[in-house]
Structures are given as structure tokens and as C-alpha cells.
Amino acid sequence: MQLVQPLNKHLIEMMSWFSNEKDLTDWAGPNFSFPYNNTSFVDDLQLNDLSSFSLVSNDSDFLAFGQYYLRLGKCHLARLIVNPNFRGKGLAKELINRLCELGLQELNVTQCSLFVFSHNEIALNTYKKIGFVIANYPSELTLKNCLYMVK
């Protein structure tokens, strides 16, 4: 497996993973257009502003996607998702560990952070297993039921 720059075919495939606005918002937050089209999806991903990666298999299967950027002196992970066809195989852990390793080095920081909705129990439990803990955010979070986690 390796992290690569997202290809257009990855983005098109990823667009098929969201069947409703709630699923999209749980993944991308409230500022992502729905319904979306190719242009709005790519624009909302902010690929030019955020370090973005596809996790691909040695056979070039598109396994997962994630982003990171500097936030509050930490490598902040965003828009983490595993291809529905490959879930349950430990790929979230693989994606997150690789993004953290790369982001910590590139951003020259020592901690990672992320946001997750409290009702997203699968993601929340995955993050806890990887070593993330719920922490206080330095200001009020405007999103209801949003948790801030650090590692």
C-alpha cells in the first residue's frame, strides 16, 4: 500500500460513496455542497489548500482518502474515509498512521488532532483504538455533538 496524490478517478469513485446529505456532512462537515457535481465536489475538497492523499493497494485499488493541515499547532486530520468495499480490514488505522507520520514530519509538530461527531461510533471507536483521546477545544465548537480528539 502507498499514499498517492488523489487521481480524478478516485474523486469520481468517492462521490459515489455518499447517498445522502447526512452521510456527506458526517464525513466532510457542514460546508460541503449537497447535492454536488464533479466541480463542486473537487472545489469543496480544497485540494490546493490541504494535503490530500489516496491510499491505494499494490494493485492500484483505491482503498481510502484523507487530508491534513496545520491547526492549533497540530497536524489536523480531515475527511478520512475508507472505500465501502474495503471496510473492516484495518485500513482506517493504516490510513491514519500514514497520514500522521507524514503530517507530523512535514508540519514539524508533535501531535495530531481531528474532529468527529459523537454519533459516529465506528469512527470514534477507531480513533480511540489508534490512541486519540477526547480533548477540550480552546474555543467553543459551533457544530453540535462535535468532539475534538488529539494524539
N, C-alpha and C. Protein backbone atom coordinates (compact mmCIF):
# COMPACT_ATOMS: atom_id res chain seq x y z
N MET A 1 0.83 -1.19 0.00
CA MET A 1 0.00 0.00 0.00
C MET A 1 0.87 1.24 0.00
N GLN A 2 0.31 2.30 -0.57
CA GLN A 2 1.03 3.56 -0.55
C GLN A 2 0.05 4.74 -0.62
N LEU A 3 0.51 5.87 -0.09
CA LEU A 3 -0.23 7.13 -0.22
C LEU A 3 0.19 7.79 -1.51
N VAL A 4 -0.79 8.23 -2.29
CA VAL A 4 -0.52 8.92 -3.55
C VAL A 4 -1.42 10.15 -3.64
N GLN A 5 -1.06 11.04 -4.54
CA GLN A 5 -1.94 12.18 -4.81
C GLN A 5 -3.24 11.64 -5.40
N PRO A 6 -4.39 12.17 -4.95
CA PRO A 6 -5.66 11.66 -5.47
C PRO A 6 -5.77 11.87 -6.98
N LEU A 7 -6.19 10.83 -7.66
CA LEU A 7 -6.44 10.91 -9.09
C LEU A 7 -7.90 11.28 -9.31
N ASN A 8 -8.18 11.82 -10.48
CA ASN A 8 -9.55 12.19 -10.79
C ASN A 8 -10.49 11.00 -10.65
N LYS A 9 -10.03 9.81 -11.06
CA LYS A 9 -10.88 8.62 -10.95
C LYS A 9 -11.17 8.27 -9.49
N HIS A 10 -10.25 8.59 -8.57
CA HIS A 10 -10.51 8.37 -7.15
C HIS A 10 -11.63 9.29 -6.67
N LEU A 11 -11.56 10.55 -7.09
CA LEU A 11 -12.56 11.52 -6.65
C LEU A 11 -13.94 11.16 -7.19
N ILE A 12 -13.98 10.72 -8.42
CA ILE A 12 -15.26 10.31 -9.02
C ILE A 12 -15.82 9.11 -8.27
N GLU A 13 -14.97 8.15 -7.97
CA GLU A 13 -15.43 6.98 -7.21
C GLU A 13 -15.90 7.38 -5.82
N MET A 14 -15.15 8.27 -5.17
CA MET A 14 -15.50 8.70 -3.82
C MET A 14 -16.86 9.39 -3.80
N MET A 15 -17.21 10.10 -4.84
CA MET A 15 -18.50 10.77 -4.90
C MET A 15 -19.65 9.77 -4.80
N SER A 16 -19.44 8.54 -5.23
CA SER A 16 -20.50 7.53 -5.19
C SER A 16 -20.70 6.95 -3.79
N TRP A 17 -19.84 7.28 -2.85
CA TRP A 17 -19.91 6.70 -1.51
C TRP A 17 -20.92 7.39 -0.61
N PHE A 18 -21.50 8.50 -1.06
CA PHE A 18 -22.42 9.28 -0.22
C PHE A 18 -23.80 9.30 -0.86
N SER A 19 -24.77 8.70 -0.18
CA SER A 19 -26.10 8.61 -0.77
C SER A 19 -27.05 9.69 -0.25
N ASN A 20 -26.62 10.41 0.80
CA ASN A 20 -27.49 11.46 1.33
C ASN A 20 -26.65 12.54 2.01
N GLU A 21 -27.31 13.64 2.31
CA GLU A 21 -26.61 14.79 2.86
C GLU A 21 -26.05 14.51 4.25
N LYS A 22 -26.74 13.73 5.06
CA LYS A 22 -26.26 13.42 6.40
C LYS A 22 -24.92 12.67 6.34
N ASP A 23 -24.84 11.64 5.49
CA ASP A 23 -23.59 10.89 5.36
C ASP A 23 -22.45 11.80 4.92
N LEU A 24 -22.74 12.69 3.98
CA LEU A 24 -21.71 13.61 3.49
C LEU A 24 -21.28 14.57 4.59
N THR A 25 -22.24 15.13 5.32
CA THR A 25 -21.93 16.07 6.40
C THR A 25 -21.16 15.40 7.52
N ASP A 26 -21.53 14.16 7.85
CA ASP A 26 -20.79 13.43 8.89
C ASP A 26 -19.33 13.26 8.49
N TRP A 27 -19.07 13.14 7.21
CA TRP A 27 -17.71 12.96 6.73
C TRP A 27 -16.99 14.29 6.52
N ALA A 28 -17.62 15.22 5.85
CA ALA A 28 -16.93 16.43 5.37
C ALA A 28 -17.25 17.69 6.16
N GLY A 29 -18.24 17.64 7.03
CA GLY A 29 -18.64 18.84 7.75
C GLY A 29 -19.74 19.59 7.01
N PRO A 30 -20.20 20.68 7.60
CA PRO A 30 -21.39 21.37 7.09
C PRO A 30 -21.16 22.26 5.88
N ASN A 31 -19.94 22.50 5.50
CA ASN A 31 -19.66 23.45 4.41
C ASN A 31 -19.40 22.78 3.07
N PHE A 32 -19.89 21.59 2.92
CA PHE A 32 -19.71 20.83 1.68
C PHE A 32 -21.04 20.84 0.93
N SER A 33 -21.02 21.15 -0.33
CA SER A 33 -22.25 21.26 -1.13
C SER A 33 -22.95 19.91 -1.28
N PHE A 34 -24.27 19.95 -1.14
CA PHE A 34 -25.11 18.79 -1.45
C PHE A 34 -26.43 19.29 -1.99
N PRO A 35 -26.89 18.78 -3.09
CA PRO A 35 -26.20 17.79 -3.91
C PRO A 35 -24.95 18.40 -4.54
N TYR A 36 -24.04 17.57 -4.97
CA TYR A 36 -22.79 18.02 -5.55
C TYR A 36 -22.67 17.52 -6.98
N ASN A 37 -21.72 18.12 -7.68
CA ASN A 37 -21.34 17.62 -9.00
C ASN A 37 -19.82 17.52 -8.99
N ASN A 38 -19.24 17.09 -10.08
CA ASN A 38 -17.77 16.90 -10.12
C ASN A 38 -17.04 18.17 -9.71
N THR A 39 -17.46 19.30 -10.23
CA THR A 39 -16.77 20.56 -9.95
C THR A 39 -16.91 20.97 -8.50
N SER A 40 -18.14 20.94 -7.98
CA SER A 40 -18.33 21.40 -6.59
C SER A 40 -17.65 20.44 -5.60
N PHE A 41 -17.66 19.15 -5.89
CA PHE A 41 -17.02 18.17 -5.00
C PHE A 41 -15.52 18.45 -4.91
N VAL A 42 -14.89 18.63 -6.04
CA VAL A 42 -13.45 18.91 -6.06
C VAL A 42 -13.15 20.26 -5.40
N ASP A 43 -13.96 21.27 -5.70
CA ASP A 43 -13.76 22.58 -5.08
C ASP A 43 -13.89 22.50 -3.56
N ASP A 44 -14.92 21.81 -3.08
CA ASP A 44 -15.15 21.71 -1.64
C ASP A 44 -14.08 20.90 -0.92
N LEU A 45 -13.41 20.02 -1.63
CA LEU A 45 -12.31 19.26 -1.02
C LEU A 45 -11.09 20.13 -0.73
N GLN A 46 -10.99 21.28 -1.38
CA GLN A 46 -9.86 22.21 -1.19
C GLN A 46 -8.52 21.51 -1.41
N LEU A 47 -8.44 20.80 -2.51
CA LEU A 47 -7.23 20.02 -2.80
C LEU A 47 -5.98 20.89 -2.93
N ASN A 48 -6.15 22.15 -3.31
CA ASN A 48 -4.99 23.05 -3.44
C ASN A 48 -4.54 23.60 -2.10
N ASP A 49 -5.40 23.53 -1.08
CA ASP A 49 -5.09 24.12 0.22
C ASP A 49 -4.72 23.09 1.28
N LEU A 50 -5.21 21.87 1.13
CA LEU A 50 -4.98 20.82 2.13
C LEU A 50 -4.16 19.70 1.53
N SER A 51 -3.27 19.15 2.32
CA SER A 51 -2.51 17.98 1.87
C SER A 51 -3.49 16.82 1.78
N SER A 52 -3.65 16.28 0.59
CA SER A 52 -4.68 15.27 0.32
C SER A 52 -4.05 14.02 -0.28
N PHE A 53 -4.53 12.86 0.18
CA PHE A 53 -3.93 11.61 -0.25
C PHE A 53 -4.97 10.50 -0.43
N SER A 54 -4.71 9.67 -1.41
CA SER A 54 -5.43 8.42 -1.59
C SER A 54 -4.52 7.30 -1.14
N LEU A 55 -5.09 6.36 -0.40
CA LEU A 55 -4.38 5.14 -0.05
C LEU A 55 -4.75 4.11 -1.10
N VAL A 56 -3.75 3.58 -1.79
CA VAL A 56 -4.00 2.61 -2.85
C VAL A 56 -3.24 1.32 -2.55
N SER A 57 -3.79 0.22 -3.04
CA SER A 57 -3.15 -1.08 -2.85
C SER A 57 -2.03 -1.24 -3.87
N ASN A 58 -1.28 -2.29 -3.72
CA ASN A 58 -0.22 -2.59 -4.69
C ASN A 58 -0.80 -2.90 -6.06
N ASP A 59 -2.10 -3.24 -6.10
CA ASP A 59 -2.79 -3.49 -7.37
C ASP A 59 -3.53 -2.25 -7.87
N SER A 60 -3.26 -1.11 -7.25
CA SER A 60 -3.86 0.19 -7.61
C SER A 60 -5.33 0.31 -7.25
N ASP A 61 -5.83 -0.54 -6.33
CA ASP A 61 -7.20 -0.37 -5.84
C ASP A 61 -7.23 0.87 -4.96
N PHE A 62 -8.26 1.69 -5.13
CA PHE A 62 -8.45 2.89 -4.31
C PHE A 62 -9.09 2.45 -2.99
N LEU A 63 -8.31 2.52 -1.91
CA LEU A 63 -8.72 1.98 -0.62
C LEU A 63 -9.31 3.02 0.33
N ALA A 64 -8.73 4.23 0.33
CA ALA A 64 -9.14 5.22 1.33
C ALA A 64 -8.64 6.60 0.91
N PHE A 65 -9.15 7.61 1.61
CA PHE A 65 -8.79 9.00 1.33
C PHE A 65 -8.68 9.75 2.65
N GLY A 66 -7.78 10.71 2.70
CA GLY A 66 -7.67 11.57 3.88
C GLY A 66 -6.87 12.81 3.58
N GLN A 67 -7.03 13.79 4.48
CA GLN A 67 -6.34 15.07 4.34
C GLN A 67 -5.74 15.48 5.68
N TYR A 68 -4.80 16.41 5.64
CA TYR A 68 -4.31 17.02 6.87
C TYR A 68 -3.87 18.45 6.59
N TYR A 69 -3.82 19.21 7.67
CA TYR A 69 -3.35 20.59 7.61
C TYR A 69 -2.97 21.03 9.02
N LEU A 70 -2.30 22.15 9.13
CA LEU A 70 -1.88 22.67 10.42
C LEU A 70 -3.05 23.40 11.08
N ARG A 71 -3.39 22.99 12.29
CA ARG A 71 -4.46 23.64 13.05
C ARG A 71 -4.06 23.63 14.52
N LEU A 72 -3.97 24.80 15.09
CA LEU A 72 -3.62 24.95 16.51
C LEU A 72 -2.32 24.24 16.87
N GLY A 73 -1.35 24.31 15.97
CA GLY A 73 -0.05 23.71 16.23
C GLY A 73 -0.02 22.20 16.16
N LYS A 74 -1.04 21.62 15.56
CA LYS A 74 -1.12 20.17 15.42
C LYS A 74 -1.37 19.79 13.97
N CYS A 75 -1.01 18.57 13.63
CA CYS A 75 -1.36 18.01 12.33
C CYS A 75 -2.82 17.58 12.43
N HIS A 76 -3.70 18.34 11.82
CA HIS A 76 -5.13 18.08 11.94
C HIS A 76 -5.60 17.23 10.77
N LEU A 77 -6.13 16.06 11.08
CA LEU A 77 -6.63 15.15 10.05
C LEU A 77 -8.06 15.52 9.68
N ALA A 78 -8.39 15.33 8.42
CA ALA A 78 -9.73 15.71 7.95
C ALA A 78 -10.18 14.77 6.86
N ARG A 79 -11.49 14.65 6.74
CA ARG A 79 -12.14 13.92 5.65
C ARG A 79 -11.52 12.53 5.44
N LEU A 80 -11.46 11.79 6.51
CA LEU A 80 -10.93 10.43 6.49
C LEU A 80 -12.05 9.48 6.09
N ILE A 81 -11.80 8.66 5.09
CA ILE A 81 -12.82 7.71 4.66
C ILE A 81 -12.17 6.50 4.02
N VAL A 82 -12.77 5.34 4.30
CA VAL A 82 -12.34 4.08 3.70
C VAL A 82 -13.38 3.67 2.66
N ASN A 83 -12.91 3.23 1.53
CA ASN A 83 -13.78 2.73 0.47
C ASN A 83 -14.73 1.68 1.07
N PRO A 84 -16.06 1.84 0.88
CA PRO A 84 -17.01 0.88 1.45
C PRO A 84 -16.72 -0.58 1.08
N ASN A 85 -16.12 -0.81 -0.07
CA ASN A 85 -15.81 -2.18 -0.49
C ASN A 85 -14.65 -2.80 0.28
N PHE A 86 -13.92 -2.00 1.06
CA PHE A 86 -12.74 -2.50 1.77
C PHE A 86 -12.80 -2.24 3.27
N ARG A 87 -13.97 -1.91 3.79
CA ARG A 87 -14.10 -1.63 5.23
C ARG A 87 -13.97 -2.91 6.04
N GLY A 88 -13.55 -2.74 7.30
CA GLY A 88 -13.42 -3.87 8.20
C GLY A 88 -12.11 -4.62 8.05
N LYS A 89 -11.15 -4.03 7.34
CA LYS A 89 -9.86 -4.70 7.10
C LYS A 89 -8.68 -3.96 7.73
N GLY A 90 -8.97 -3.02 8.64
CA GLY A 90 -7.91 -2.28 9.31
C GLY A 90 -7.32 -1.14 8.48
N LEU A 91 -8.00 -0.74 7.43
CA LEU A 91 -7.45 0.30 6.55
C LEU A 91 -7.54 1.70 7.15
N ALA A 92 -8.51 1.93 8.02
CA ALA A 92 -8.60 3.24 8.68
C ALA A 92 -7.34 3.48 9.52
N LYS A 93 -6.95 2.46 10.26
CA LYS A 93 -5.73 2.56 11.07
C LYS A 93 -4.51 2.80 10.17
N GLU A 94 -4.42 2.07 9.09
CA GLU A 94 -3.30 2.23 8.15
C GLU A 94 -3.28 3.64 7.58
N LEU A 95 -4.42 4.13 7.13
CA LEU A 95 -4.51 5.48 6.58
C LEU A 95 -4.11 6.52 7.60
N ILE A 96 -4.67 6.44 8.78
CA ILE A 96 -4.41 7.45 9.81
C ILE A 96 -2.95 7.42 10.24
N ASN A 97 -2.41 6.25 10.46
CA ASN A 97 -1.00 6.17 10.87
C ASN A 97 -0.08 6.76 9.81
N ARG A 98 -0.35 6.46 8.55
CA ARG A 98 0.49 7.01 7.47
C ARG A 98 0.33 8.52 7.35
N LEU A 99 -0.91 9.03 7.46
CA LEU A 99 -1.13 10.48 7.39
C LEU A 99 -0.46 11.18 8.56
N CYS A 100 -0.57 10.59 9.75
CA CYS A 100 0.07 11.20 10.92
C CYS A 100 1.58 11.25 10.76
N GLU A 101 2.15 10.15 10.34
CA GLU A 101 3.61 10.10 10.16
C GLU A 101 4.07 11.17 9.18
N LEU A 102 3.40 11.25 8.06
CA LEU A 102 3.76 12.22 7.03
C LEU A 102 3.50 13.65 7.50
N GLY A 103 2.33 13.88 8.08
CA GLY A 103 1.96 15.22 8.52
C GLY A 103 2.82 15.74 9.66
N LEU A 104 3.10 14.91 10.63
CA LEU A 104 3.96 15.34 11.75
C LEU A 104 5.32 15.80 11.24
N GLN A 105 5.86 15.04 10.30
CA GLN A 105 7.17 15.37 9.74
C GLN A 105 7.09 16.65 8.89
N GLU A 106 6.13 16.70 7.98
CA GLU A 106 6.03 17.84 7.08
C GLU A 106 5.72 19.14 7.82
N LEU A 107 4.85 19.07 8.81
CA LEU A 107 4.42 20.27 9.53
C LEU A 107 5.30 20.58 10.73
N ASN A 108 6.23 19.67 11.04
CA ASN A 108 7.17 19.84 12.14
C ASN A 108 6.44 20.08 13.47
N VAL A 109 5.49 19.18 13.77
CA VAL A 109 4.73 19.24 15.02
C VAL A 109 4.80 17.86 15.69
N THR A 110 4.28 17.77 16.91
CA THR A 110 4.40 16.52 17.66
C THR A 110 3.07 15.85 17.97
N GLN A 111 1.96 16.49 17.61
CA GLN A 111 0.65 15.92 17.89
C GLN A 111 -0.26 16.01 16.68
N CYS A 112 -1.23 15.08 16.66
CA CYS A 112 -2.27 15.11 15.64
C CYS A 112 -3.61 15.37 16.32
N SER A 113 -4.55 15.88 15.54
CA SER A 113 -5.89 16.14 16.05
C SER A 113 -6.90 15.83 14.96
N LEU A 114 -8.15 15.76 15.36
CA LEU A 114 -9.25 15.58 14.40
C LEU A 114 -10.56 15.92 15.08
N PHE A 115 -11.59 16.10 14.27
CA PHE A 115 -12.95 16.26 14.75
C PHE A 115 -13.74 15.02 14.37
N VAL A 116 -14.71 14.67 15.21
CA VAL A 116 -15.61 13.56 14.90
C VAL A 116 -16.94 13.86 15.59
N PHE A 117 -18.02 13.50 14.93
CA PHE A 117 -19.34 13.63 15.57
C PHE A 117 -19.52 12.50 16.56
N SER A 118 -20.12 12.81 17.71
CA SER A 118 -20.29 11.82 18.77
C SER A 118 -21.16 10.64 18.34
N HIS A 119 -22.06 10.84 17.39
CA HIS A 119 -22.92 9.74 16.94
C HIS A 119 -22.21 8.81 15.94
N ASN A 120 -21.03 9.18 15.49
CA ASN A 120 -20.28 8.35 14.54
C ASN A 120 -19.43 7.36 15.35
N GLU A 121 -20.12 6.39 15.93
CA GLU A 121 -19.48 5.48 16.89
C GLU A 121 -18.36 4.64 16.29
N ILE A 122 -18.52 4.21 15.05
CA ILE A 122 -17.48 3.40 14.42
C ILE A 122 -16.19 4.21 14.31
N ALA A 123 -16.29 5.44 13.81
CA ALA A 123 -15.10 6.30 13.69
C ALA A 123 -14.53 6.62 15.07
N LEU A 124 -15.39 6.97 16.00
CA LEU A 124 -14.95 7.33 17.35
C LEU A 124 -14.18 6.17 17.99
N ASN A 125 -14.71 4.97 17.89
CA ASN A 125 -14.01 3.81 18.46
C ASN A 125 -12.70 3.52 17.74
N THR A 126 -12.68 3.71 16.43
CA THR A 126 -11.44 3.51 15.67
C THR A 126 -10.38 4.50 16.15
N TYR A 127 -10.74 5.75 16.28
CA TYR A 127 -9.77 6.77 16.71
C TYR A 127 -9.25 6.47 18.12
N LYS A 128 -10.14 6.04 19.00
CA LYS A 128 -9.70 5.69 20.35
C LYS A 128 -8.71 4.53 20.33
N LYS A 129 -8.99 3.51 19.50
CA LYS A 129 -8.09 2.35 19.41
C LYS A 129 -6.71 2.76 18.90
N ILE A 130 -6.66 3.78 18.06
CA ILE A 130 -5.39 4.24 17.49
C ILE A 130 -4.64 5.11 18.49
N GLY A 131 -5.31 5.57 19.54
CA GLY A 131 -4.63 6.36 20.56
C GLY A 131 -5.11 7.80 20.69
N PHE A 132 -6.11 8.19 19.94
CA PHE A 132 -6.68 9.52 20.08
C PHE A 132 -7.55 9.56 21.34
N VAL A 133 -7.53 10.70 22.01
CA VAL A 133 -8.36 10.90 23.20
C VAL A 133 -9.15 12.19 23.02
N ILE A 134 -10.33 12.22 23.61
CA ILE A 134 -11.17 13.42 23.55
C ILE A 134 -10.50 14.50 24.39
N ALA A 135 -10.44 15.70 23.82
CA ALA A 135 -9.78 16.82 24.49
C ALA A 135 -10.68 18.05 24.40
N ASN A 136 -10.37 19.01 25.25
CA ASN A 136 -11.09 20.28 25.20
C ASN A 136 -10.56 21.12 24.05
N TYR A 137 -11.47 21.66 23.26
CA TYR A 137 -11.08 22.56 22.19
C TYR A 137 -10.93 23.94 22.81
N PRO A 138 -9.93 24.72 22.38
CA PRO A 138 -9.66 26.00 23.04
C PRO A 138 -10.76 27.05 22.90
N SER A 139 -11.69 26.84 22.00
CA SER A 139 -12.83 27.76 21.89
C SER A 139 -14.10 26.93 21.72
N GLU A 140 -15.23 27.59 21.70
CA GLU A 140 -16.48 26.87 21.58
C GLU A 140 -16.63 26.28 20.17
N LEU A 141 -17.00 25.01 20.12
CA LEU A 141 -17.26 24.37 18.84
C LEU A 141 -18.68 24.73 18.40
N THR A 142 -18.80 25.21 17.17
CA THR A 142 -20.11 25.63 16.68
C THR A 142 -20.95 24.46 16.19
N LEU A 143 -20.32 23.33 15.91
CA LEU A 143 -21.06 22.16 15.46
C LEU A 143 -21.58 21.37 16.66
N LYS A 144 -22.85 21.09 16.64
CA LYS A 144 -23.45 20.32 17.72
C LYS A 144 -22.94 18.88 17.68
N ASN A 145 -22.65 18.31 18.86
CA ASN A 145 -22.21 16.93 19.01
C ASN A 145 -20.86 16.64 18.33
N CYS A 146 -20.05 17.67 18.17
CA CYS A 146 -18.72 17.51 17.57
C CYS A 146 -17.70 17.36 18.70
N LEU A 147 -16.85 16.36 18.56
CA LEU A 147 -15.79 16.11 19.54
C LEU A 147 -14.44 16.44 18.91
N TYR A 148 -13.53 16.93 19.74
CA TYR A 148 -12.16 17.22 19.33
C TYR A 148 -11.29 16.14 19.98
N MET A 149 -10.45 15.51 19.17
CA MET A 149 -9.58 14.45 19.68
C MET A 149 -8.13 14.74 19.31
N VAL A 150 -7.22 14.34 20.18
CA VAL A 150 -5.79 14.54 19.93
C VAL A 150 -5.04 13.25 20.23
N LYS A 151 -3.87 13.15 19.59
CA LYS A 151 -2.95 12.02 19.81
C LYS A 151 -1.54 12.58 19.82
